Amino acid sequence: MFGIKHYCTIGLNSREANNEALAEQVMEILPLFIYKEGVVGIGEIGFDDQTPAEEKYYRAQLELAKESGLPVQIHTPHRDKKAVPNAVWTLLLNTALIRIKSSSIIIMKKP
């Protein structure tokens, strides 16, 4: 509309990952939306309270991004950023280029 092209990332936000009933519903339909025109990545995903549920859905969305070839936008906690699990950082560093912007990390595809 109005000659403006809209682009977005789409995903299960880490805060909502702690509502497992909602998270399961989102994860069930998320693959239907990631291939829509204008969707340029999966996100914002990551951690808020750093719970096991957040890690479960974070990893599931990383896998979905890998399968689809889409980049991901990672959200780091607003509180205690240093407590983000080392394994998560290692995974990201080994699989993607990283650009940090504000409280988010945008994962770019490897060249």
PDB file of N, CA and C in Angstrom:
ATOM      1  N   MET A   1       0.842  -1.179   0.000  1.00  0.00           N
ATOM      2  CA  MET A   1       0.000   0.000   0.000  1.00  0.00           C
ATOM      3  C   MET A   1       0.888   1.242   0.000  1.00  0.00           C
ATOM      4  N   PHE A   2       0.525   2.246  -0.708  1.00  0.00           N
ATOM      5  CA  PHE A   2       1.233   3.509  -0.789  1.00  0.00           C
ATOM      6  C   PHE A   2       2.655   3.351  -1.310  1.00  0.00           C
ATOM      7  N   GLY A   3       2.942   2.239  -2.005  1.00  0.00           N
ATOM      8  CA  GLY A   3       4.276   2.032  -2.543  1.00  0.00           C
ATOM      9  C   GLY A   3       5.324   1.670  -1.510  1.00  0.00           C
ATOM     10  N   ILE A   4       4.901   1.321  -0.308  1.00  0.00           N
ATOM     11  CA  ILE A   4       5.835   0.958   0.768  1.00  0.00           C
ATOM     12  C   ILE A   4       5.900  -0.554   0.871  1.00  0.00           C
ATOM     13  N   LYS A   5       7.088  -1.104   0.739  1.00  0.00           N
ATOM     14  CA  LYS A   5       7.266  -2.547   0.911  1.00  0.00           C
ATOM     15  C   LYS A   5       7.528  -2.831   2.387  1.00  0.00           C
ATOM     16  N   HIS A   6       6.834  -3.817   2.902  1.00  0.00           N
ATOM     17  CA  HIS A   6       6.955  -4.171   4.317  1.00  0.00           C
ATOM     18  C   HIS A   6       7.773  -5.445   4.459  1.00  0.00           C
ATOM     19  N   TYR A   7       8.747  -5.421   5.351  1.00  0.00           N
ATOM     20  CA  TYR A   7       9.559  -6.591   5.663  1.00  0.00           C
ATOM     21  C   TYR A   7       9.531  -6.805   7.162  1.00  0.00           C
ATOM     22  N   CYS A   8       9.607  -8.068   7.583  1.00  0.00           N
ATOM     23  CA  CYS A   8       9.565  -8.348   9.019  1.00  0.00           C
ATOM     24  C   CYS A   8      10.274  -9.657   9.335  1.00  0.00           C
ATOM     25  N   THR A   9      10.565  -9.813  10.609  1.00  0.00           N
ATOM     26  CA  THR A   9      10.936 -11.122  11.133  1.00  0.00           C
ATOM     27  C   THR A   9       9.730 -11.604  11.926  1.00  0.00           C
ATOM     28  N   ILE A  10       9.606 -12.912  12.072  1.00  0.00           N
ATOM     29  CA  ILE A  10       8.465 -13.477  12.794  1.00  0.00           C
ATOM     30  C   ILE A  10       8.958 -14.650  13.629  1.00  0.00           C
ATOM     31  N   GLY A  11       8.452 -14.740  14.841  1.00  0.00           N
ATOM     32  CA  GLY A  11       8.865 -15.834  15.707  1.00  0.00           C
ATOM     33  C   GLY A  11       8.147 -15.788  17.039  1.00  0.00           C
ATOM     34  N   LEU A  12       8.456 -16.760  17.867  1.00  0.00           N
ATOM     35  CA  LEU A  12       7.919 -16.828  19.226  1.00  0.00           C
ATOM     36  C   LEU A  12       8.842 -16.034  20.137  1.00  0.00           C
ATOM     37  N   ASN A  13       8.343 -14.960  20.703  1.00  0.00           N
ATOM     38  CA  ASN A  13       9.122 -14.136  21.622  1.00  0.00           C
ATOM     39  C   ASN A  13       9.470 -14.935  22.870  1.00  0.00           C
ATOM     40  N   SER A  14      10.655 -14.703  23.401  1.00  0.00           N
ATOM     41  CA  SER A  14      11.111 -15.480  24.560  1.00  0.00           C
ATOM     42  C   SER A  14      10.184 -15.346  25.758  1.00  0.00           C
ATOM     43  N   ARG A  15       9.594 -14.203  25.959  1.00  0.00           N
ATOM     44  CA  ARG A  15       8.691 -14.023  27.102  1.00  0.00           C
ATOM     45  C   ARG A  15       7.484 -14.945  26.980  1.00  0.00           C
ATOM     46  N   GLU A  16       6.950 -15.092  25.778  1.00  0.00           N
ATOM     47  CA  GLU A  16       5.793 -15.959  25.573  1.00  0.00           C
ATOM     48  C   GLU A  16       6.168 -17.443  25.581  1.00  0.00           C
ATOM     49  N   ALA A  17       7.439 -17.761  25.455  1.00  0.00           N
ATOM     50  CA  ALA A  17       7.872 -19.160  25.493  1.00  0.00           C
ATOM     51  C   ALA A  17       7.568 -19.807  26.833  1.00  0.00           C
ATOM     52  N   ASN A  18       7.421 -19.010  27.878  1.00  0.00           N
ATOM     53  CA  ASN A  18       7.136 -19.550  29.208  1.00  0.00           C
ATOM     54  C   ASN A  18       5.676 -19.949  29.391  1.00  0.00           C
ATOM     55  N   ASN A  19       4.832 -19.580  28.447  1.00  0.00           N
ATOM     56  CA  ASN A  19       3.450 -20.054  28.426  1.00  0.00           C
ATOM     57  C   ASN A  19       3.443 -21.209  27.425  1.00  0.00           C
ATOM     58  N   GLU A  20       3.696 -22.415  27.901  1.00  0.00           N
ATOM     59  CA  GLU A  20       3.935 -23.541  26.990  1.00  0.00           C
ATOM     60  C   GLU A  20       2.741 -23.886  26.109  1.00  0.00           C
ATOM     61  N   ALA A  21       1.539 -23.683  26.595  1.00  0.00           N
ATOM     62  CA  ALA A  21       0.370 -23.964  25.748  1.00  0.00           C
ATOM     63  C   ALA A  21       0.369 -23.010  24.551  1.00  0.00           C
ATOM     64  N   LEU A  22       0.610 -21.739  24.810  1.00  0.00           N
ATOM     65  CA  LEU A  22       0.691 -20.754  23.734  1.00  0.00           C
ATOM     66  C   LEU A  22       1.889 -21.034  22.829  1.00  0.00           C
ATOM     67  N   ALA A  23       3.029 -21.340  23.436  1.00  0.00           N
ATOM     68  CA  ALA A  23       4.255 -21.592  22.664  1.00  0.00           C
ATOM     69  C   ALA A  23       4.063 -22.762  21.699  1.00  0.00           C
ATOM     70  N   GLU A  24       3.419 -23.809  22.142  1.00  0.00           N
ATOM     71  CA  GLU A  24       3.174 -24.963  21.266  1.00  0.00           C
ATOM     72  C   GLU A  24       2.277 -24.576  20.091  1.00  0.00           C
ATOM     73  N   GLN A  25       1.259 -23.761  20.360  1.00  0.00           N
ATOM     74  CA  GLN A  25       0.371 -23.325  19.282  1.00  0.00           C
ATOM     75  C   GLN A  25       1.132 -22.472  18.264  1.00  0.00           C
ATOM     76  N   VAL A  26       1.975 -21.572  18.756  1.00  0.00           N
ATOM     77  CA  VAL A  26       2.753 -20.719  17.851  1.00  0.00           C
ATOM     78  C   VAL A  26       3.719 -21.562  17.021  1.00  0.00           C
ATOM     79  N   MET A  27       4.403 -22.484  17.664  1.00  0.00           N
ATOM     80  CA  MET A  27       5.384 -23.302  16.955  1.00  0.00           C
ATOM     81  C   MET A  27       4.716 -24.198  15.913  1.00  0.00           C
ATOM     82  N   GLU A  28       3.477 -24.564  16.163  1.00  0.00           N
ATOM     83  CA  GLU A  28       2.748 -25.399  15.202  1.00  0.00           C
ATOM     84  C   GLU A  28       2.442 -24.639  13.910  1.00  0.00           C
ATOM     85  N   ILE A  29       2.117 -23.351  14.031  1.00  0.00           N
ATOM     86  CA  ILE A  29       1.745 -22.595  12.837  1.00  0.00           C
ATOM     87  C   ILE A  29       2.885 -21.723  12.279  1.00  0.00           C
ATOM     88  N   LEU A  30       3.950 -21.551  13.033  1.00  0.00           N
ATOM     89  CA  LEU A  30       5.044 -20.692  12.579  1.00  0.00           C
ATOM     90  C   LEU A  30       5.579 -21.081  11.202  1.00  0.00           C
ATOM     91  N   PRO A  31       5.757 -22.368  10.905  1.00  0.00           N
ATOM     92  CA  PRO A  31       6.256 -22.722   9.572  1.00  0.00           C
ATOM     93  C   PRO A  31       5.338 -22.266   8.431  1.00  0.00           C
ATOM     94  N   LEU A  32       4.074 -22.058   8.705  1.00  0.00           N
ATOM     95  CA  LEU A  32       3.153 -21.590   7.668  1.00  0.00           C
ATOM     96  C   LEU A  32       3.398 -20.128   7.292  1.00  0.00           C
ATOM     97  N   PHE A  33       4.012 -19.381   8.197  1.00  0.00           N
ATOM     98  CA  PHE A  33       4.189 -17.947   7.991  1.00  0.00           C
ATOM     99  C   PHE A  33       5.586 -17.556   7.531  1.00  0.00           C
ATOM    100  N   ILE A  34       6.600 -18.371   7.792  1.00  0.00           N
ATOM    101  CA  ILE A  34       7.971 -17.919   7.517  1.00  0.00           C
ATOM    102  C   ILE A  34       8.291 -17.789   6.032  1.00  0.00           C
ATOM    103  N   TYR A  35       7.493 -18.415   5.178  1.00  0.00           N
ATOM    104  CA  TYR A  35       7.741 -18.319   3.745  1.00  0.00           C
ATOM    105  C   TYR A  35       6.876 -17.263   3.057  1.00  0.00           C
ATOM    106  N   LYS A  36       6.127 -16.495   3.837  1.00  0.00           N
ATOM    107  CA  LYS A  36       5.279 -15.443   3.262  1.00  0.00           C
ATOM    108  C   LYS A  36       6.151 -14.313   2.711  1.00  0.00           C
ATOM    109  N   GLU A  37       5.617 -13.630   1.703  1.00  0.00           N
ATOM    110  CA  GLU A  37       6.335 -12.497   1.122  1.00  0.00           C
ATOM    111  C   GLU A  37       6.623 -11.444   2.187  1.00  0.00           C
ATOM    112  N   GLY A  38       7.824 -10.961   2.223  1.00  0.00           N
ATOM    113  CA  GLY A  38       8.204  -9.911   3.158  1.00  0.00           C
ATOM    114  C   GLY A  38       8.824 -10.421   4.448  1.00  0.00           C
ATOM    115  N   VAL A  39       8.726 -11.721   4.721  1.00  0.00           N
ATOM    116  CA  VAL A  39       9.353 -12.279   5.917  1.00  0.00           C
ATOM    117  C   VAL A  39      10.825 -12.514   5.600  1.00  0.00           C
ATOM    118  N   VAL A  40      11.695 -11.823   6.325  1.00  0.00           N
ATOM    119  CA  VAL A  40      13.126 -11.877   6.026  1.00  0.00           C
ATOM    120  C   VAL A  40      13.933 -12.617   7.094  1.00  0.00           C
ATOM    121  N   GLY A  41      13.260 -13.118   8.130  1.00  0.00           N
ATOM    122  CA  GLY A  41      13.980 -13.842   9.166  1.00  0.00           C
ATOM    123  C   GLY A  41      13.055 -14.321  10.259  1.00  0.00           C
ATOM    124  N   ILE A  42      13.639 -15.064  11.187  1.00  0.00           N
ATOM    125  CA  ILE A  42      12.906 -15.572  12.349  1.00  0.00           C
ATOM    126  C   ILE A  42      13.382 -14.802  13.563  1.00  0.00           C
ATOM    127  N   GLY A  43      12.441 -14.256  14.294  1.00  0.00           N
ATOM    128  CA  GLY A  43      12.828 -13.507  15.481  1.00  0.00           C
ATOM    129  C   GLY A  43      11.714 -12.567  15.902  1.00  0.00           C
ATOM    130  N   GLU A  44      11.942 -12.033  16.943  1.00  0.00           N
ATOM    131  CA  GLU A  44      13.067 -11.948  17.838  1.00  0.00           C
ATOM    132  C   GLU A  44      12.963 -13.109  18.808  1.00  0.00           C
ATOM    133  N   ILE A  45      13.980 -13.955  18.848  1.00  0.00           N
ATOM    134  CA  ILE A  45      13.976 -15.132  19.710  1.00  0.00           C
ATOM    135  C   ILE A  45      15.139 -15.023  20.684  1.00  0.00           C
ATOM    136  N   GLY A  46      15.112 -15.809  21.734  1.00  0.00           N
ATOM    137  CA  GLY A  46      16.227 -15.773  22.673  1.00  0.00           C
ATOM    138  C   GLY A  46      15.789 -16.022  24.094  1.00  0.00           C
ATOM    139  N   PHE A  47      16.254 -15.152  24.984  1.00  0.00           N
ATOM    140  CA  PHE A  47      16.038 -15.357  26.414  1.00  0.00           C
ATOM    141  C   PHE A  47      15.488 -14.097  27.074  1.00  0.00           C
ATOM    142  N   ASP A  48      14.618 -14.319  28.064  1.00  0.00           N
ATOM    143  CA  ASP A  48      14.111 -13.242  28.906  1.00  0.00           C
ATOM    144  C   ASP A  48      14.459 -13.575  30.354  1.00  0.00           C
ATOM    145  N   ASP A  49      13.826 -14.612  30.899  1.00  0.00           N
ATOM    146  CA  ASP A  49      14.120 -15.048  32.264  1.00  0.00           C
ATOM    147  C   ASP A  49      15.094 -16.215  32.305  1.00  0.00           C
ATOM    148  N   GLN A  50      15.532 -16.665  31.150  1.00  0.00           N
ATOM    149  CA  GLN A  50      16.499 -17.751  31.016  1.00  0.00           C
ATOM    150  C   GLN A  50      15.987 -19.051  31.647  1.00  0.00           C
ATOM    151  N   THR A  51      14.787 -19.444  31.233  1.00  0.00           N
ATOM    152  CA  THR A  51      14.147 -20.654  31.748  1.00  0.00           C
ATOM    153  C   THR A  51      14.374 -21.816  30.787  1.00  0.00           C
ATOM    154  N   PRO A  52      14.166 -23.041  31.257  1.00  0.00           N
ATOM    155  CA  PRO A  52      14.262 -24.196  30.351  1.00  0.00           C
ATOM    156  C   PRO A  52      13.295 -24.100  29.167  1.00  0.00           C
ATOM    157  N   ALA A  53      12.096 -23.553  29.387  1.00  0.00           N
ATOM    158  CA  ALA A  53      11.137 -23.411  28.284  1.00  0.00           C
ATOM    159  C   ALA A  53      11.674 -22.446  27.227  1.00  0.00           C
ATOM    160  N   GLU A  54      12.281 -21.353  27.661  1.00  0.00           N
ATOM    161  CA  GLU A  54      12.852 -20.401  26.705  1.00  0.00           C
ATOM    162  C   GLU A  54      13.942 -21.065  25.882  1.00  0.00           C
ATOM    163  N   GLU A  55      14.776 -21.853  26.518  1.00  0.00           N
ATOM    164  CA  GLU A  55      15.847 -22.535  25.785  1.00  0.00           C
ATOM    165  C   GLU A  55      15.273 -23.560  24.805  1.00  0.00           C
ATOM    166  N   LYS A  56      14.242 -24.279  25.223  1.00  0.00           N
ATOM    167  CA  LYS A  56      13.606 -25.278  24.355  1.00  0.00           C
ATOM    168  C   LYS A  56      13.103 -24.640  23.064  1.00  0.00           C
ATOM    169  N   TYR A  57      12.360 -23.539  23.181  1.00  0.00           N
ATOM    170  CA  TYR A  57      11.779 -22.914  21.996  1.00  0.00           C
ATOM    171  C   TYR A  57      12.805 -22.096  21.221  1.00  0.00           C
ATOM    172  N   TYR A  58      13.815 -21.603  21.895  1.00  0.00           N
ATOM    173  CA  TYR A  58      14.930 -20.929  21.222  1.00  0.00           C
ATOM    174  C   TYR A  58      15.617 -21.908  20.273  1.00  0.00           C
ATOM    175  N   ARG A  59      15.932 -23.086  20.803  1.00  0.00           N
ATOM    176  CA  ARG A  59      16.600 -24.102  19.978  1.00  0.00           C
ATOM    177  C   ARG A  59      15.694 -24.580  18.834  1.00  0.00           C
ATOM    178  N   ALA A  60      14.409 -24.726  19.115  1.00  0.00           N
ATOM    179  CA  ALA A  60      13.475 -25.164  18.072  1.00  0.00           C
ATOM    180  C   ALA A  60      13.409 -24.138  16.937  1.00  0.00           C
ATOM    181  N   GLN A  61      13.423 -22.858  17.285  1.00  0.00           N
ATOM    182  CA  GLN A  61      13.373 -21.827  16.250  1.00  0.00           C
ATOM    183  C   GLN A  61      14.696 -21.699  15.509  1.00  0.00           C
ATOM    184  N   LEU A  62      15.810 -21.938  16.192  1.00  0.00           N
ATOM    185  CA  LEU A  62      17.094 -21.974  15.495  1.00  0.00           C
ATOM    186  C   LEU A  62      17.097 -23.092  14.460  1.00  0.00           C
ATOM    187  N   GLU A  63      16.540 -24.228  14.834  1.00  0.00           N
ATOM    188  CA  GLU A  63      16.465 -25.355  13.897  1.00  0.00           C
ATOM    189  C   GLU A  63      15.564 -25.018  12.713  1.00  0.00           C
ATOM    190  N   LEU A  64      14.444 -24.358  12.974  1.00  0.00           N
ATOM    191  CA  LEU A  64      13.544 -23.942  11.907  1.00  0.00           C
ATOM    192  C   LEU A  64      14.257 -22.958  10.965  1.00  0.00           C
ATOM    193  N   ALA A  65      15.022 -22.055  11.534  1.00  0.00           N
ATOM    194  CA  ALA A  65      15.780 -21.101  10.717  1.00  0.00           C
ATOM    195  C   ALA A  65      16.816 -21.819   9.863  1.00  0.00           C
ATOM    196  N   LYS A  66      17.455 -22.790  10.447  1.00  0.00           N
ATOM    197  CA  LYS A  66      18.459 -23.561   9.705  1.00  0.00           C
ATOM    198  C   LYS A  66      17.805 -24.303   8.542  1.00  0.00           C
ATOM    199  N   GLU A  67      16.663 -24.936   8.804  1.00  0.00           N
ATOM    200  CA  GLU A  67      15.949 -25.685   7.761  1.00  0.00           C
ATOM    201  C   GLU A  67      15.460 -24.777   6.644  1.00  0.00           C
ATOM    202  N   SER A  68      15.041 -23.567   6.991  1.00  0.00           N
ATOM    203  CA  SER A  68      14.467 -22.649   6.006  1.00  0.00           C
ATOM    204  C   SER A  68      15.513 -21.760   5.341  1.00  0.00           C
ATOM    205  N   GLY A  69      16.711 -21.708   5.929  1.00  0.00           N
ATOM    206  CA  GLY A  69      17.755 -20.849   5.382  1.00  0.00           C
ATOM    207  C   GLY A  69      17.570 -19.376   5.731  1.00  0.00           C
ATOM    208  N   LEU A  70      16.708 -19.096   6.708  1.00  0.00           N
ATOM    209  CA  LEU A  70      16.472 -17.714   7.118  1.00  0.00           C
ATOM    210  C   LEU A  70      17.399 -17.326   8.270  1.00  0.00           C
ATOM    211  N   PRO A  71      17.817 -16.062   8.311  1.00  0.00           N
ATOM    212  CA  PRO A  71      18.586 -15.592   9.467  1.00  0.00           C
ATOM    213  C   PRO A  71      17.665 -15.442  10.672  1.00  0.00           C
ATOM    214  N   VAL A  72      18.252 -15.311  11.850  1.00  0.00           N
ATOM    215  CA  VAL A  72      17.463 -15.099  13.070  1.00  0.00           C
ATOM    216  C   VAL A  72      17.889 -13.810  13.749  1.00  0.00           C
ATOM    217  N   GLN A  73      16.937 -13.219  14.446  1.00  0.00           N
ATOM    218  CA  GLN A  73      17.215 -12.051  15.270  1.00  0.00           C
ATOM    219  C   GLN A  73      17.112 -12.523  16.712  1.00  0.00           C
ATOM    220  N   ILE A  74      18.208 -12.381  17.461  1.00  0.00           N
ATOM    221  CA  ILE A  74      18.284 -12.897  18.822  1.00  0.00           C
ATOM    222  C   ILE A  74      18.065 -11.796  19.840  1.00  0.00           C
ATOM    223  N   HIS A  75      17.224 -12.079  20.817  1.00  0.00           N
ATOM    224  CA  HIS A  75      16.967 -11.167  21.929  1.00  0.00           C
ATOM    225  C   HIS A  75      17.781 -11.642  23.129  1.00  0.00           C
ATOM    226  N   THR A  76      18.532 -10.737  23.720  1.00  0.00           N
ATOM    227  CA  THR A  76      19.237 -11.064  24.958  1.00  0.00           C
ATOM    228  C   THR A  76      18.433 -10.510  26.126  1.00  0.00           C
ATOM    229  N   PRO A  77      18.598 -11.089  27.298  1.00  0.00           N
ATOM    230  CA  PRO A  77      17.814 -10.640  28.451  1.00  0.00           C
ATOM    231  C   PRO A  77      18.064  -9.168  28.765  1.00  0.00           C
ATOM    232  N   HIS A  78      17.037  -8.497  29.224  1.00  0.00           N
ATOM    233  CA  HIS A  78      17.212  -7.109  29.667  1.00  0.00           C
ATOM    234  C   HIS A  78      18.000  -7.082  30.967  1.00  0.00           C
ATOM    235  N   ARG A  79      17.868  -8.145  31.746  1.00  0.00           N
ATOM    236  CA  ARG A  79      18.543  -8.251  33.023  1.00  0.00           C
ATOM    237  C   ARG A  79      19.637  -9.308  32.920  1.00  0.00           C
ATOM    238  N   ASP A  80      20.766  -9.051  33.520  1.00  0.00           N
ATOM    239  CA  ASP A  80      21.826 -10.052  33.673  1.00  0.00           C
ATOM    240  C   ASP A  80      22.236 -10.704  32.353  1.00  0.00           C
ATOM    241  N   LYS A  81      22.623  -9.892  31.391  1.00  0.00           N
ATOM    242  CA  LYS A  81      23.024 -10.401  30.075  1.00  0.00           C
ATOM    243  C   LYS A  81      24.207 -11.361  30.164  1.00  0.00           C
ATOM    244  N   LYS A  82      25.046 -11.185  31.174  1.00  0.00           N
ATOM    245  CA  LYS A  82      26.221 -12.041  31.296  1.00  0.00           C
ATOM    246  C   LYS A  82      25.865 -13.477  31.646  1.00  0.00           C
ATOM    247  N   ALA A  83      24.642 -13.701  32.081  1.00  0.00           N
ATOM    248  CA  ALA A  83      24.236 -15.044  32.477  1.00  0.00           C
ATOM    249  C   ALA A  83      23.714 -15.886  31.320  1.00  0.00           C
ATOM    250  N   VAL A  84      23.711 -15.327  30.104  1.00  0.00           N
ATOM    251  CA  VAL A  84      23.270 -16.121  28.948  1.00  0.00           C
ATOM    252  C   VAL A  84      24.204 -17.320  28.843  1.00  0.00           C
ATOM    253  N   PRO A  85      23.636 -18.514  28.731  1.00  0.00           N
ATOM    254  CA  PRO A  85      24.469 -19.727  28.754  1.00  0.00           C
ATOM    255  C   PRO A  85      25.579 -19.711  27.707  1.00  0.00           C
ATOM    256  N   ASN A  86      26.774 -20.099  28.121  1.00  0.00           N
ATOM    257  CA  ASN A  86      27.918 -20.140  27.213  1.00  0.00           C
ATOM    258  C   ASN A  86      27.662 -21.035  26.010  1.00  0.00           C
ATOM    259  N   ALA A  87      26.927 -22.103  26.209  1.00  0.00           N
ATOM    260  CA  ALA A  87      26.657 -23.015  25.093  1.00  0.00           C
ATOM    261  C   ALA A  87      25.886 -22.307  23.985  1.00  0.00           C
ATOM    262  N   VAL A  88      25.002 -21.402  24.366  1.00  0.00           N
ATOM    263  CA  VAL A  88      24.223 -20.671  23.373  1.00  0.00           C
ATOM    264  C   VAL A  88      25.138 -19.748  22.576  1.00  0.00           C
ATOM    265  N   TRP A  89      26.014 -19.033  23.259  1.00  0.00           N
ATOM    266  CA  TRP A  89      26.965 -18.157  22.561  1.00  0.00           C
ATOM    267  C   TRP A  89      27.868 -18.975  21.652  1.00  0.00           C
ATOM    268  N   THR A  90      28.343 -20.101  22.140  1.00  0.00           N
ATOM    269  CA  THR A  90      29.219 -20.949  21.334  1.00  0.00           C
ATOM    270  C   THR A  90      28.498 -21.409  20.077  1.00  0.00           C
ATOM    271  N   LEU A  91      27.252 -21.838  20.232  1.00  0.00           N
ATOM    272  CA  LEU A  91      26.455 -22.261  19.078  1.00  0.00           C
ATOM    273  C   LEU A  91      26.340 -21.138  18.056  1.00  0.00           C
ATOM    274  N   LEU A  92      26.038 -19.945  18.517  1.00  0.00           N
ATOM    275  CA  LEU A  92      25.892 -18.815  17.607  1.00  0.00           C
ATOM    276  C   LEU A  92      27.208 -18.451  16.927  1.00  0.00           C
ATOM    277  N   LEU A  93      28.270 -18.417  17.693  1.00  0.00           N
ATOM    278  CA  LEU A  93      29.567 -18.043  17.131  1.00  0.00           C
ATOM    279  C   LEU A  93      30.052 -19.046  16.098  1.00  0.00           C
ATOM    280  N   ASN A  94      29.679 -20.297  16.265  1.00  0.00           N
ATOM    281  CA  ASN A  94      30.119 -21.334  15.338  1.00  0.00           C
ATOM    282  C   ASN A  94      29.246 -21.459  14.095  1.00  0.00           C
ATOM    283  N   THR A  95      28.079 -20.842  14.103  1.00  0.00           N
ATOM    284  CA  THR A  95      27.165 -21.047  12.978  1.00  0.00           C
ATOM    285  C   THR A  95      26.783 -19.781  12.229  1.00  0.00           C
ATOM    286  N   ALA A  96      27.155 -18.611  12.717  1.00  0.00           N
ATOM    287  CA  ALA A  96      26.652 -17.405  12.070  1.00  0.00           C
ATOM    288  C   ALA A  96      27.550 -16.204  12.315  1.00  0.00           C
ATOM    289  N   LEU A  97      27.379 -15.222  11.474  1.00  0.00           N
ATOM    290  CA  LEU A  97      27.976 -13.915  11.723  1.00  0.00           C
ATOM    291  C   LEU A  97      27.048 -13.173  12.663  1.00  0.00           C
ATOM    292  N   ILE A  98      27.595 -12.403  13.572  1.00  0.00           N
ATOM    293  CA  ILE A  98      26.773 -11.742  14.584  1.00  0.00           C
ATOM    294  C   ILE A  98      26.967 -10.230  14.518  1.00  0.00           C
ATOM    295  N   ARG A  99      25.867  -9.503  14.563  1.00  0.00           N
ATOM    296  CA  ARG A  99      25.908  -8.050  14.671  1.00  0.00           C
ATOM    297  C   ARG A  99      25.084  -7.671  15.895  1.00  0.00           C
ATOM    298  N   ILE A 100      25.685  -6.971  16.843  1.00  0.00           N
ATOM    299  CA  ILE A 100      24.980  -6.580  18.060  1.00  0.00           C
ATOM    300  C   ILE A 100      24.407  -5.184  17.859  1.00  0.00           C
ATOM    301  N   LYS A 101      23.123  -5.048  18.166  1.00  0.00           N
ATOM    302  CA  LYS A 101      22.447  -3.760  18.051  1.00  0.00           C
ATOM    303  C   LYS A 101      21.510  -3.607  19.231  1.00  0.00           C
ATOM    304  N   SER A 102      21.751  -2.640  20.084  1.00  0.00           N
ATOM    305  CA  SER A 102      20.937  -2.378  21.258  1.00  0.00           C
ATOM    306  C   SER A 102      20.872  -3.636  22.113  1.00  0.00           C
ATOM    307  N   SER A 103      19.663  -4.079  22.475  1.00  0.00           N
ATOM    308  CA  SER A 103      19.547  -5.283  23.299  1.00  0.00           C
ATOM    309  C   SER A 103      19.300  -6.519  22.453  1.00  0.00           C
ATOM    310  N   SER A 104      19.509  -6.413  21.151  1.00  0.00           N
ATOM    311  CA  SER A 104      19.312  -7.546  20.258  1.00  0.00           C
ATOM    312  C   SER A 104      20.601  -7.897  19.548  1.00  0.00           C
ATOM    313  N   ILE A 105      20.701  -9.121  19.143  1.00  0.00           N
ATOM    314  CA  ILE A 105      21.802  -9.574  18.311  1.00  0.00           C
ATOM    315  C   ILE A 105      21.174 -10.095  17.043  1.00  0.00           C
ATOM    316  N   ILE A 106      21.595  -9.597  15.913  1.00  0.00           N
ATOM    317  CA  ILE A 106      21.035 -10.024  14.646  1.00  0.00           C
ATOM    318  C   ILE A 106      21.993 -11.011  14.021  1.00  0.00           C
ATOM    319  N   ILE A 107      21.523 -12.217  13.778  1.00  0.00           N
ATOM    320  CA  ILE A 107      22.355 -13.268  13.209  1.00  0.00           C
ATOM    321  C   ILE A 107      22.233 -13.215  11.693  1.00  0.00           C
ATOM    322  N   MET A 108      23.336 -13.040  11.058  1.00  0.00           N
ATOM    323  CA  MET A 108      23.367 -12.940   9.611  1.00  0.00           C
ATOM    324  C   MET A 108      23.820 -14.277   9.041  1.00  0.00           C
ATOM    325  N   LYS A 109      23.432 -14.561   7.811  1.00  0.00           N
ATOM    326  CA  LYS A 109      23.879 -15.776   7.161  1.00  0.00           C
ATOM    327  C   LYS A 109      25.369 -15.705   6.892  1.00  0.00           C
ATOM    328  N   LYS A 110      26.040 -16.840   6.983  1.00  0.00           N
ATOM    329  CA  LYS A 110      27.446 -16.892   6.611  1.00  0.00           C
ATOM    330  C   LYS A 110      27.572 -16.641   5.120  1.00  0.00           C
ATOM    331  N   PRO A 111      28.624 -15.922   4.712  1.00  0.00           N
ATOM    332  CA  PRO A 111      28.801 -15.688   3.274  1.00  0.00           C
ATOM    333  C   PRO A 111      29.148 -16.962   2.542  1.00  0.00           C
TER     334      PRO A 111
END
